[in-house]
PDB file of N, CA and C in Angstrom:
ATOM      1  N   MET A   1     -11.060  17.732 -11.568  1.00  0.00           N
ATOM      2  CA  MET A   1     -10.709  16.324 -11.313  1.00  0.00           C
ATOM      3  C   MET A   1      -9.731  15.814 -12.510  1.00  0.00           C
ATOM      4  N   LYS A   2      -9.047  15.223 -11.647  1.00  0.00           N
ATOM      5  CA  LYS A   2      -8.483  14.411 -12.636  1.00  0.00           C
ATOM      6  C   LYS A   2      -7.644  12.584 -11.985  1.00  0.00           C
ATOM      7  N   GLY A   3      -7.398  12.372 -12.823  1.00  0.00           N
ATOM      8  CA  GLY A   3      -7.470  10.530 -12.702  1.00  0.00           C
ATOM      9  C   GLY A   3      -6.577   9.558 -13.614  1.00  0.00           C
ATOM     10  N   SER A   4      -6.210   8.402 -12.846  1.00  0.00           N
ATOM     11  CA  SER A   4      -5.663   7.620 -14.073  1.00  0.00           C
ATOM     12  C   SER A   4      -6.044   6.218 -14.081  1.00  0.00           C
ATOM     13  N   CYS A   5      -5.676   5.695 -14.468  1.00  0.00           N
ATOM     14  CA  CYS A   5      -5.182   4.032 -14.632  1.00  0.00           C
ATOM     15  C   CYS A   5      -4.928   3.571 -13.499  1.00  0.00           C
ATOM     16  N   LEU A   6      -4.499   2.197 -12.959  1.00  0.00           N
ATOM     17  CA  LEU A   6      -3.867   1.781 -12.052  1.00  0.00           C
ATOM     18  C   LEU A   6      -2.038   2.016 -12.359  1.00  0.00           C
ATOM     19  N   CYS A   7      -1.680   1.431 -13.451  1.00  0.00           N
ATOM     20  CA  CYS A   7      -0.394   1.656 -14.463  1.00  0.00           C
ATOM     21  C   CYS A   7       0.110   2.897 -14.526  1.00  0.00           C
ATOM     22  N   GLY A   8      -0.998   3.804 -14.331  1.00  0.00           N
ATOM     23  CA  GLY A   8      -0.820   5.413 -15.546  1.00  0.00           C
ATOM     24  C   GLY A   8      -0.492   5.457 -16.897  1.00  0.00           C
ATOM     25  N   ALA A   9      -0.923   4.319 -17.561  1.00  0.00           N
ATOM     26  CA  ALA A   9      -1.071   4.515 -19.168  1.00  0.00           C
ATOM     27  C   ALA A   9      -1.735   5.671 -19.081  1.00  0.00           C
ATOM     28  N   VAL A  10      -2.774   5.270 -19.073  1.00  0.00           N
ATOM     29  CA  VAL A  10      -3.862   6.524 -19.385  1.00  0.00           C
ATOM     30  C   VAL A  10      -4.695   7.167 -18.170  1.00  0.00           C
ATOM     31  N   ALA A  11      -4.734   8.641 -18.344  1.00  0.00           N
ATOM     32  CA  ALA A  11      -5.687   9.668 -17.656  1.00  0.00           C
ATOM     33  C   ALA A  11      -5.887  10.567 -18.255  1.00  0.00           C
ATOM     34  N   TYR A  12      -7.158  11.086 -17.469  1.00  0.00           N
ATOM     35  CA  TYR A  12      -8.490  11.896 -17.966  1.00  0.00           C
ATOM     36  C   TYR A  12      -8.002  13.233 -16.572  1.00  0.00           C
ATOM     37  N   GLU A  13      -9.299  14.281 -17.603  1.00  0.00           N
ATOM     38  CA  GLU A  13      -8.885  15.326 -16.769  1.00  0.00           C
ATOM     39  C   GLU A  13     -10.677  15.388 -16.522  1.00  0.00           C
ATOM     40  N   ALA A  14     -11.499  16.255 -16.049  1.00  0.00           N
ATOM     41  CA  ALA A  14     -12.690  16.841 -15.652  1.00  0.00           C
ATOM     42  C   ALA A  14     -12.492  18.241 -15.132  1.00  0.00           C
ATOM     43  N   ASP A  15     -13.238  18.612 -15.729  1.00  0.00           N
ATOM     44  CA  ASP A  15     -13.307  20.551 -15.400  1.00  0.00           C
ATOM     45  C   ASP A  15     -13.950  20.610 -14.017  1.00  0.00           C
ATOM     46  N   ARG A  16     -15.300  20.176 -13.731  1.00  0.00           N
ATOM     47  CA  ARG A  16     -16.047  20.248 -12.887  1.00  0.00           C
ATOM     48  C   ARG A  16     -17.253  18.885 -12.765  1.00  0.00           C
ATOM     49  N   LEU A  17     -17.900  18.797 -11.567  1.00  0.00           N
ATOM     50  CA  LEU A  17     -18.774  17.333 -11.591  1.00  0.00           C
ATOM     51  C   LEU A  17     -20.054  17.614 -12.267  1.00  0.00           C
ATOM     52  N   SER A  18     -21.135  17.038 -12.896  1.00  0.00           N
ATOM     53  CA  SER A  18     -22.589  17.747 -12.889  1.00  0.00           C
ATOM     54  C   SER A  18     -23.732  17.023 -11.891  1.00  0.00           C
ATOM     55  N   GLY A  19     -22.896  16.721 -10.713  1.00  0.00           N
ATOM     56  CA  GLY A  19     -23.706  16.546  -9.343  1.00  0.00           C
ATOM     57  C   GLY A  19     -22.823  15.140  -8.374  1.00  0.00           C
ATOM     58  N   PRO A  20     -24.262  14.686  -7.537  1.00  0.00           N
ATOM     59  CA  PRO A  20     -22.694  14.648  -6.415  1.00  0.00           C
ATOM     60  C   PRO A  20     -22.352  12.754  -6.625  1.00  0.00           C
ATOM     61  N   ILE A  21     -21.002  12.657  -6.107  1.00  0.00           N
ATOM     62  CA  ILE A  21     -20.587  11.704  -6.792  1.00  0.00           C
ATOM     63  C   ILE A  21     -21.779  10.480  -5.399  1.00  0.00           C
ATOM     64  N   PHE A  22     -21.993   9.300  -5.968  1.00  0.00           N
ATOM     65  CA  PHE A  22     -22.781   8.674  -5.996  1.00  0.00           C
ATOM     66  C   PHE A  22     -22.508   6.955  -5.798  1.00  0.00           C
ATOM     67  N   HIS A  23     -23.290   5.608  -5.277  1.00  0.00           N
ATOM     68  CA  HIS A  23     -22.696   4.140  -5.341  1.00  0.00           C
ATOM     69  C   HIS A  23     -23.489   3.676  -5.951  1.00  0.00           C
ATOM     70  N   CYS A  24     -23.193   3.294  -7.344  1.00  0.00           N
ATOM     71  CA  CYS A  24     -23.902   2.755  -8.259  1.00  0.00           C
ATOM     72  C   CYS A  24     -24.310   1.050  -7.665  1.00  0.00           C
ATOM     73  N   HIS A  25     -25.363   0.810  -7.347  1.00  0.00           N
ATOM     74  CA  HIS A  25     -25.484  -1.059  -7.175  1.00  0.00           C
ATOM     75  C   HIS A  25     -26.637  -1.790  -7.706  1.00  0.00           C
ATOM     76  N   CYS A  26     -26.301  -1.006  -9.386  1.00  0.00           N
ATOM     77  CA  CYS A  26     -26.521  -2.145  -9.752  1.00  0.00           C
ATOM     78  C   CYS A  26     -25.931  -3.000 -10.753  1.00  0.00           C
ATOM     79  N   ALA A  27     -26.409  -4.134 -11.451  1.00  0.00           N
ATOM     80  CA  ALA A  27     -26.095  -5.676 -11.252  1.00  0.00           C
ATOM     81  C   ALA A  27     -24.965  -5.618 -11.947  1.00  0.00           C
ATOM     82  N   THR A  28     -24.551  -4.876 -13.361  1.00  0.00           N
ATOM     83  CA  THR A  28     -23.604  -4.566 -13.968  1.00  0.00           C
ATOM     84  C   THR A  28     -22.074  -4.030 -13.535  1.00  0.00           C
ATOM     85  N   CYS A  29     -22.465  -2.929 -12.903  1.00  0.00           N
ATOM     86  CA  CYS A  29     -21.263  -2.399 -11.838  1.00  0.00           C
ATOM     87  C   CYS A  29     -20.305  -3.221 -10.876  1.00  0.00           C
ATOM     88  N   ARG A  30     -21.922  -3.893  -9.991  1.00  0.00           N
ATOM     89  CA  ARG A  30     -21.320  -4.569  -9.108  1.00  0.00           C
ATOM     90  C   ARG A  30     -20.400  -6.325  -9.466  1.00  0.00           C
ATOM     91  N   LYS A  31     -20.713  -6.138 -10.921  1.00  0.00           N
ATOM     92  CA  LYS A  31     -19.757  -7.496 -11.679  1.00  0.00           C
ATOM     93  C   LYS A  31     -18.661  -7.363 -11.568  1.00  0.00           C
ATOM     94  N   SER A  32     -18.850  -6.294 -12.518  1.00  0.00           N
ATOM     95  CA  SER A  32     -17.618  -5.306 -13.371  1.00  0.00           C
ATOM     96  C   SER A  32     -16.531  -5.560 -12.634  1.00  0.00           C
ATOM     97  N   HIS A  33     -16.916  -4.608 -11.528  1.00  0.00           N
ATOM     98  CA  HIS A  33     -15.862  -3.889 -10.253  1.00  0.00           C
ATOM     99  C   HIS A  33     -16.021  -4.570  -9.095  1.00  0.00           C
ATOM    100  N   GLY A  34     -16.119  -6.218  -9.273  1.00  0.00           N
ATOM    101  CA  GLY A  34     -15.875  -7.778  -8.064  1.00  0.00           C
ATOM    102  C   GLY A  34     -16.443  -6.548  -6.508  1.00  0.00           C
ATOM    103  N   ALA A  35     -17.780  -6.129  -6.602  1.00  0.00           N
ATOM    104  CA  ALA A  35     -17.926  -5.038  -5.139  1.00  0.00           C
ATOM    105  C   ALA A  35     -18.905  -4.546  -4.928  1.00  0.00           C
ATOM    106  N   ALA A  36     -19.499  -4.227  -3.739  1.00  0.00           N
ATOM    107  CA  ALA A  36     -20.899  -4.602  -3.459  1.00  0.00           C
ATOM    108  C   ALA A  36     -21.528  -2.987  -4.473  1.00  0.00           C
ATOM    109  N   PHE A  37     -20.726  -2.506  -5.160  1.00  0.00           N
ATOM    110  CA  PHE A  37     -20.919  -1.263  -5.503  1.00  0.00           C
ATOM    111  C   PHE A  37     -20.056  -0.203  -5.937  1.00  0.00           C
ATOM    112  N   ALA A  38     -20.131   0.758  -6.753  1.00  0.00           N
ATOM    113  CA  ALA A  38     -18.951   1.294  -7.913  1.00  0.00           C
ATOM    114  C   ALA A  38     -19.395   2.872  -6.905  1.00  0.00           C
ATOM    115  N   SER A  39     -17.971   3.601  -6.498  1.00  0.00           N
ATOM    116  CA  SER A  39     -18.378   5.415  -6.955  1.00  0.00           C
ATOM    117  C   SER A  39     -18.091   6.004  -8.354  1.00  0.00           C
ATOM    118  N   THR A  40     -19.296   6.268  -8.087  1.00  0.00           N
ATOM    119  CA  THR A  40     -19.449   7.745  -9.643  1.00  0.00           C
ATOM    120  C   THR A  40     -19.728   8.584  -9.189  1.00  0.00           C
ATOM    121  N   ALA A  41     -18.694   9.177 -10.908  1.00  0.00           N
ATOM    122  CA  ALA A  41     -19.234  10.872 -10.452  1.00  0.00           C
ATOM    123  C   ALA A  41     -19.116  11.402 -12.249  1.00  0.00           C
ATOM    124  N   ARG A  42     -20.688  12.156 -12.495  1.00  0.00           N
ATOM    125  CA  ARG A  42     -21.202  12.628 -13.755  1.00  0.00           C
ATOM    126  C   ARG A  42     -20.590  13.837 -14.019  1.00  0.00           C
ATOM    127  N   VAL A  43     -20.113  13.684 -14.922  1.00  0.00           N
ATOM    128  CA  VAL A  43     -19.739  14.637 -15.815  1.00  0.00           C
ATOM    129  C   VAL A  43     -19.878  15.018 -17.102  1.00  0.00           C
ATOM    130  N   ALA A  44     -20.377  16.340 -17.590  1.00  0.00           N
ATOM    131  CA  ALA A  44     -21.354  16.490 -18.508  1.00  0.00           C
ATOM    132  C   ALA A  44     -19.613  16.427 -19.826  1.00  0.00           C
ATOM    133  N   ARG A  45     -20.067  16.209 -21.039  1.00  0.00           N
ATOM    134  CA  ARG A  45     -19.090  15.260 -21.663  1.00  0.00           C
ATOM    135  C   ARG A  45     -17.846  16.368 -22.093  1.00  0.00           C
ATOM    136  N   GLU A  46     -18.638  17.761 -22.330  1.00  0.00           N
ATOM    137  CA  GLU A  46     -17.633  18.818 -22.534  1.00  0.00           C
ATOM    138  C   GLU A  46     -16.552  19.663 -21.466  1.00  0.00           C
ATOM    139  N   ASP A  47     -16.476  18.777 -20.743  1.00  0.00           N
ATOM    140  CA  ASP A  47     -15.967  19.081 -19.245  1.00  0.00           C
ATOM    141  C   ASP A  47     -15.433  17.741 -19.167  1.00  0.00           C
ATOM    142  N   PHE A  48     -14.995  16.309 -19.749  1.00  0.00           N
ATOM    143  CA  PHE A  48     -14.628  15.558 -19.417  1.00  0.00           C
ATOM    144  C   PHE A  48     -12.969  15.568 -20.706  1.00  0.00           C
ATOM    145  N   ARG A  49     -11.716  15.394 -20.740  1.00  0.00           N
ATOM    146  CA  ARG A  49     -10.999  14.598 -21.484  1.00  0.00           C
ATOM    147  C   ARG A  49      -9.572  13.868 -21.184  1.00  0.00           C
ATOM    148  N   TRP A  50      -9.256  13.373 -22.361  1.00  0.00           N
ATOM    149  CA  TRP A  50      -8.411  12.055 -22.011  1.00  0.00           C
ATOM    150  C   TRP A  50      -7.058  12.824 -22.277  1.00  0.00           C
ATOM    151  N   THR A  51      -5.701  13.083 -21.393  1.00  0.00           N
ATOM    152  CA  THR A  51      -4.994  13.411 -21.329  1.00  0.00           C
ATOM    153  C   THR A  51      -3.765  12.844 -21.869  1.00  0.00           C
ATOM    154  N   ARG A  52      -3.876  11.080 -21.679  1.00  0.00           N
ATOM    155  CA  ARG A  52      -2.862  10.280 -21.898  1.00  0.00           C
ATOM    156  C   ARG A  52      -3.689   8.539 -22.481  1.00  0.00           C
ATOM    157  N   GLY A  53      -2.599   8.263 -23.581  1.00  0.00           N
ATOM    158  CA  GLY A  53      -3.278   6.655 -23.712  1.00  0.00           C
ATOM    159  C   GLY A  53      -4.298   6.572 -23.839  1.00  0.00           C
ATOM    160  N   GLN A  54      -4.561   7.445 -24.624  1.00  0.00           N
ATOM    161  CA  GLN A  54      -6.166   6.955 -25.833  1.00  0.00           C
ATOM    162  C   GLN A  54      -5.850   5.653 -26.613  1.00  0.00           C
ATOM    163  N   ALA A  55      -4.813   5.368 -26.759  1.00  0.00           N
ATOM    164  CA  ALA A  55      -4.437   4.835 -27.619  1.00  0.00           C
ATOM    165  C   ALA A  55      -4.586   2.843 -26.846  1.00  0.00           C
ATOM    166  N   THR A  56      -3.960   3.109 -25.577  1.00  0.00           N
ATOM    167  CA  THR A  56      -4.432   1.807 -24.602  1.00  0.00           C
ATOM    168  C   THR A  56      -5.511   1.463 -24.139  1.00  0.00           C
ATOM    169  N   LEU A  57      -6.746   2.967 -24.882  1.00  0.00           N
ATOM    170  CA  LEU A  57      -8.324   2.225 -23.784  1.00  0.00           C
ATOM    171  C   LEU A  57      -9.253   0.836 -24.601  1.00  0.00           C
ATOM    172  N   GLY A  58      -9.869   0.280 -23.542  1.00  0.00           N
ATOM    173  CA  GLY A  58     -10.348  -0.756 -24.396  1.00  0.00           C
ATOM    174  C   GLY A  58     -11.820   0.194 -24.315  1.00  0.00           C
ATOM    175  N   ALA A  59     -13.008  -0.748 -25.126  1.00  0.00           N
ATOM    176  CA  ALA A  59     -14.249  -0.686 -24.326  1.00  0.00           C
ATOM    177  C   ALA A  59     -14.771  -1.881 -24.473  1.00  0.00           C
ATOM    178  N   TYR A  60     -15.971  -1.884 -23.671  1.00  0.00           N
ATOM    179  CA  TYR A  60     -17.311  -3.036 -23.674  1.00  0.00           C
ATOM    180  C   TYR A  60     -18.501  -2.427 -23.825  1.00  0.00           C
ATOM    181  N   GLU A  61     -19.122  -2.734 -24.126  1.00  0.00           N
ATOM    182  CA  GLU A  61     -20.647  -2.389 -24.613  1.00  0.00           C
ATOM    183  C   GLU A  61     -21.015  -3.360 -23.381  1.00  0.00           C
ATOM    184  N   SER A  62     -21.478  -3.087 -22.014  1.00  0.00           N
ATOM    185  CA  SER A  62     -21.610  -3.237 -20.968  1.00  0.00           C
ATOM    186  C   SER A  62     -23.780  -4.116 -20.848  1.00  0.00           C
ATOM    187  N   SER A  63     -24.456  -3.199 -22.014  1.00  0.00           N
ATOM    188  CA  SER A  63     -25.668  -2.827 -21.869  1.00  0.00           C
ATOM    189  C   SER A  63     -26.387  -2.538 -23.098  1.00  0.00           C
ATOM    190  N   PRO A  64     -27.483  -2.749 -23.585  1.00  0.00           N
ATOM    191  CA  PRO A  64     -27.515  -1.934 -24.695  1.00  0.00           C
ATOM    192  C   PRO A  64     -27.351  -0.424 -24.329  1.00  0.00           C
ATOM    193  N   GLY A  65     -26.070   0.488 -25.714  1.00  0.00           N
ATOM    194  CA  GLY A  65     -26.006   1.319 -25.312  1.00  0.00           C
ATOM    195  C   GLY A  65     -25.390   2.006 -24.529  1.00  0.00           C
ATOM    196  N   LYS A  66     -24.628   1.596 -23.400  1.00  0.00           N
ATOM    197  CA  LYS A  66     -23.716   1.513 -22.234  1.00  0.00           C
ATOM    198  C   LYS A  66     -22.438   0.862 -22.821  1.00  0.00           C
ATOM    199  N   ILE A  67     -21.593   1.896 -22.925  1.00  0.00           N
ATOM    200  CA  ILE A  67     -19.849   1.601 -23.033  1.00  0.00           C
ATOM    201  C   ILE A  67     -19.228   2.433 -22.174  1.00  0.00           C
ATOM    202  N   ARG A  68     -18.376   0.750 -21.231  1.00  0.00           N
ATOM    203  CA  ARG A  68     -17.706   0.893 -20.258  1.00  0.00           C
ATOM    204  C   ARG A  68     -16.096   1.381 -21.051  1.00  0.00           C
ATOM    205  N   HIS A  69     -15.077   1.679 -20.148  1.00  0.00           N
ATOM    206  CA  HIS A  69     -13.810   2.501 -21.106  1.00  0.00           C
ATOM    207  C   HIS A  69     -12.975   1.781 -19.591  1.00  0.00           C
ATOM    208  N   PHE A  70     -11.864   1.113 -19.812  1.00  0.00           N
ATOM    209  CA  PHE A  70     -10.612   0.542 -19.254  1.00  0.00           C
ATOM    210  C   PHE A  70      -9.620   0.530 -19.869  1.00  0.00           C
ATOM    211  N   CYS A  71      -8.414   0.965 -19.263  1.00  0.00           N
ATOM    212  CA  CYS A  71      -7.117   0.466 -19.679  1.00  0.00           C
ATOM    213  C   CYS A  71      -6.702  -0.281 -20.313  1.00  0.00           C
ATOM    214  N   THR A  72      -6.451  -1.218 -21.330  1.00  0.00           N
ATOM    215  CA  THR A  72      -5.533  -2.447 -22.063  1.00  0.00           C
ATOM    216  C   THR A  72      -4.800  -2.670 -21.331  1.00  0.00           C
ATOM    217  N   ALA A  73      -3.900  -2.481 -20.495  1.00  0.00           N
ATOM    218  CA  ALA A  73      -2.697  -2.824 -20.228  1.00  0.00           C
ATOM    219  C   ALA A  73      -2.969  -3.103 -18.094  1.00  0.00           C
ATOM    220  N   CYS A  74      -3.680  -2.546 -17.267  1.00  0.00           N
ATOM    221  CA  CYS A  74      -3.797  -3.243 -16.485  1.00  0.00           C
ATOM    222  C   CYS A  74      -5.014  -3.393 -15.750  1.00  0.00           C
ATOM    223  N   GLY A  75      -6.235  -2.716 -16.709  1.00  0.00           N
ATOM    224  CA  GLY A  75      -7.569  -3.158 -16.450  1.00  0.00           C
ATOM    225  C   GLY A  75      -8.555  -2.698 -15.927  1.00  0.00           C
ATOM    226  N   ALA A  76      -8.172  -1.479 -15.021  1.00  0.00           N
ATOM    227  CA  ALA A  76      -8.972  -0.774 -14.501  1.00  0.00           C
ATOM    228  C   ALA A  76      -9.693   0.275 -15.151  1.00  0.00           C
ATOM    229  N   HIS A  77     -10.848   0.702 -14.700  1.00  0.00           N
ATOM    230  CA  HIS A  77     -12.213   0.601 -15.397  1.00  0.00           C
ATOM    231  C   HIS A  77     -12.123   2.105 -14.831  1.00  0.00           C
ATOM    232  N   LEU A  78     -12.209   3.522 -16.343  1.00  0.00           N
ATOM    233  CA  LEU A  78     -12.455   4.840 -15.716  1.00  0.00           C
ATOM    234  C   LEU A  78     -13.050   5.306 -16.150  1.00  0.00           C
ATOM    235  N   MET A  79     -13.947   4.974 -16.854  1.00  0.00           N
ATOM    236  CA  MET A  79     -15.295   5.957 -17.476  1.00  0.00           C
ATOM    237  C   MET A  79     -16.594   5.015 -18.040  1.00  0.00           C
ATOM    238  N   ALA A  80     -17.054   5.380 -18.295  1.00  0.00           N
ATOM    239  CA  ALA A  80     -18.313   4.703 -19.321  1.00  0.00           C
ATOM    240  C   ALA A  80     -19.692   6.025 -19.473  1.00  0.00           C
ATOM    241  N   HIS A  81     -20.311   5.357 -20.476  1.00  0.00           N
ATOM    242  CA  HIS A  81     -20.979   6.673 -21.214  1.00  0.00           C
ATOM    243  C   HIS A  81     -22.634   6.022 -22.304  1.00  0.00           C
ATOM    244  N   TRP A  82     -22.991   6.589 -22.156  1.00  0.00           N
ATOM    245  CA  TRP A  82     -24.199   5.865 -23.143  1.00  0.00           C
ATOM    246  C   TRP A  82     -24.395   6.659 -24.275  1.00  0.00           C
ATOM    247  N   VAL A  83     -24.552   6.015 -25.010  1.00  0.00           N
ATOM    248  CA  VAL A  83     -24.671   6.508 -26.737  1.00  0.00           C
ATOM    249  C   VAL A  83     -25.527   7.350 -27.049  1.00  0.00           C
ATOM    250  N   ASP A  84     -25.747   8.405 -27.712  1.00  0.00           N
ATOM    251  CA  ASP A  84     -26.898   9.545 -27.804  1.00  0.00           C
ATOM    252  C   ASP A  84     -28.033   9.156 -27.335  1.00  0.00           C
ATOM    253  N   PRO A  85     -28.973   9.870 -27.037  1.00  0.00           N
ATOM    254  CA  PRO A  85     -28.391  11.379 -26.882  1.00  0.00           C
ATOM    255  C   PRO A  85     -28.152  11.905 -25.113  1.00  0.00           C
ATOM    256  N   VAL A  86     -27.643  10.863 -24.600  1.00  0.00           N
ATOM    257  CA  VAL A  86     -27.155  11.502 -22.957  1.00  0.00           C
ATOM    258  C   VAL A  86     -25.767  11.962 -23.592  1.00  0.00           C
ATOM    259  N   SER A  87     -25.552  13.504 -22.354  1.00  0.00           N
ATOM    260  CA  SER A  87     -24.442  14.398 -22.716  1.00  0.00           C
ATOM    261  C   SER A  87     -23.571  14.265 -21.777  1.00  0.00           C
ATOM    262  N   TYR A  88     -23.212  13.014 -20.610  1.00  0.00           N
ATOM    263  CA  TYR A  88     -22.517  12.858 -19.962  1.00  0.00           C
ATOM    264  C   TYR A  88     -22.113  11.579 -19.832  1.00  0.00           C
ATOM    265  N   THR A  89     -20.903  11.665 -19.173  1.00  0.00           N
ATOM    266  CA  THR A  89     -20.401  10.786 -19.104  1.00  0.00           C
ATOM    267  C   THR A  89     -20.182  10.272 -17.340  1.00  0.00           C
ATOM    268  N   HIS A  90     -19.942   8.956 -16.757  1.00  0.00           N
ATOM    269  CA  HIS A  90     -19.652   8.318 -15.078  1.00  0.00           C
ATOM    270  C   HIS A  90     -18.420   8.355 -15.065  1.00  0.00           C
ATOM    271  N   LEU A  91     -17.683   9.301 -14.601  1.00  0.00           N
ATOM    272  CA  LEU A  91     -15.823   8.673 -13.884  1.00  0.00           C
ATOM    273  C   LEU A  91     -16.198   7.758 -13.097  1.00  0.00           C
ATOM    274  N   ARG A  92     -15.262   6.760 -12.902  1.00  0.00           N
ATOM    275  CA  ARG A  92     -15.151   5.763 -11.691  1.00  0.00           C
ATOM    276  C   ARG A  92     -14.107   6.743 -10.740  1.00  0.00           C
ATOM    277  N   ALA A  93     -14.782   6.423  -9.771  1.00  0.00           N
ATOM    278  CA  ALA A  93     -14.292   7.885  -8.784  1.00  0.00           C
ATOM    279  C   ALA A  93     -13.511   6.967  -7.817  1.00  0.00           C
ATOM    280  N   HIS A  94     -12.188   6.996  -7.916  1.00  0.00           N
ATOM    281  CA  HIS A  94     -11.348   5.857  -6.535  1.00  0.00           C
ATOM    282  C   HIS A  94      -9.375   7.060  -7.010  1.00  0.00           C
ATOM    283  N   GLU A  95      -9.370   6.554  -5.649  1.00  0.00           N
ATOM    284  CA  GLU A  95      -8.238   7.376  -5.558  1.00  0.00           C
ATOM    285  C   GLU A  95      -6.948   6.811  -6.344  1.00  0.00           C
ATOM    286  N   THR A  96      -6.020   6.954  -7.305  1.00  0.00           N
ATOM    287  CA  THR A  96      -5.377   6.799  -7.953  1.00  0.00           C
ATOM    288  C   THR A  96      -3.800   6.346  -7.062  1.00  0.00           C
ATOM    289  N   GLY A  97      -3.429   8.051  -6.604  1.00  0.00           N
ATOM    290  CA  GLY A  97      -2.292   7.632  -6.002  1.00  0.00           C
ATOM    291  C   GLY A  97      -1.511   8.487  -6.924  1.00  0.00           C
ATOM    292  N   ARG A  98      -1.979   8.486  -8.315  1.00  0.00           N
ATOM    293  CA  ARG A  98      -1.110   8.982  -9.133  1.00  0.00           C
ATOM    294  C   ARG A  98      -1.435  10.768  -9.553  1.00  0.00           C
TER     295      ARG A  98
END
C-alpha cells in the first residue's frame, strides 16, 4: 500500500495490512476529518515507513497518547499512532491520485 498527502510533499509505504479497513466513528475522527467517519487501515509499525517529506510532517496529540500526523503544507491527515505499548499505526485510507 502506498499513499501520499494531497499536495504530494509527504509519502509513505506499508508492506501489509494487519486487519480489515474499517470506518471509525469516534468523535475525534469525525471532527478532525469533517465527516461522519474516517476510513482507517491498521498496519504494524515495522511494516510502515515514510518515503518522502518527513520534514513537512506535523503532529498533534488529539487524545492522551494518540498522535495524529498530517502534512503541514496541505493539511491532509496521513496516519495516527498510540504511544507505547501499542505496536501498530492507523493509516487514513483514501485515494490520493498520486
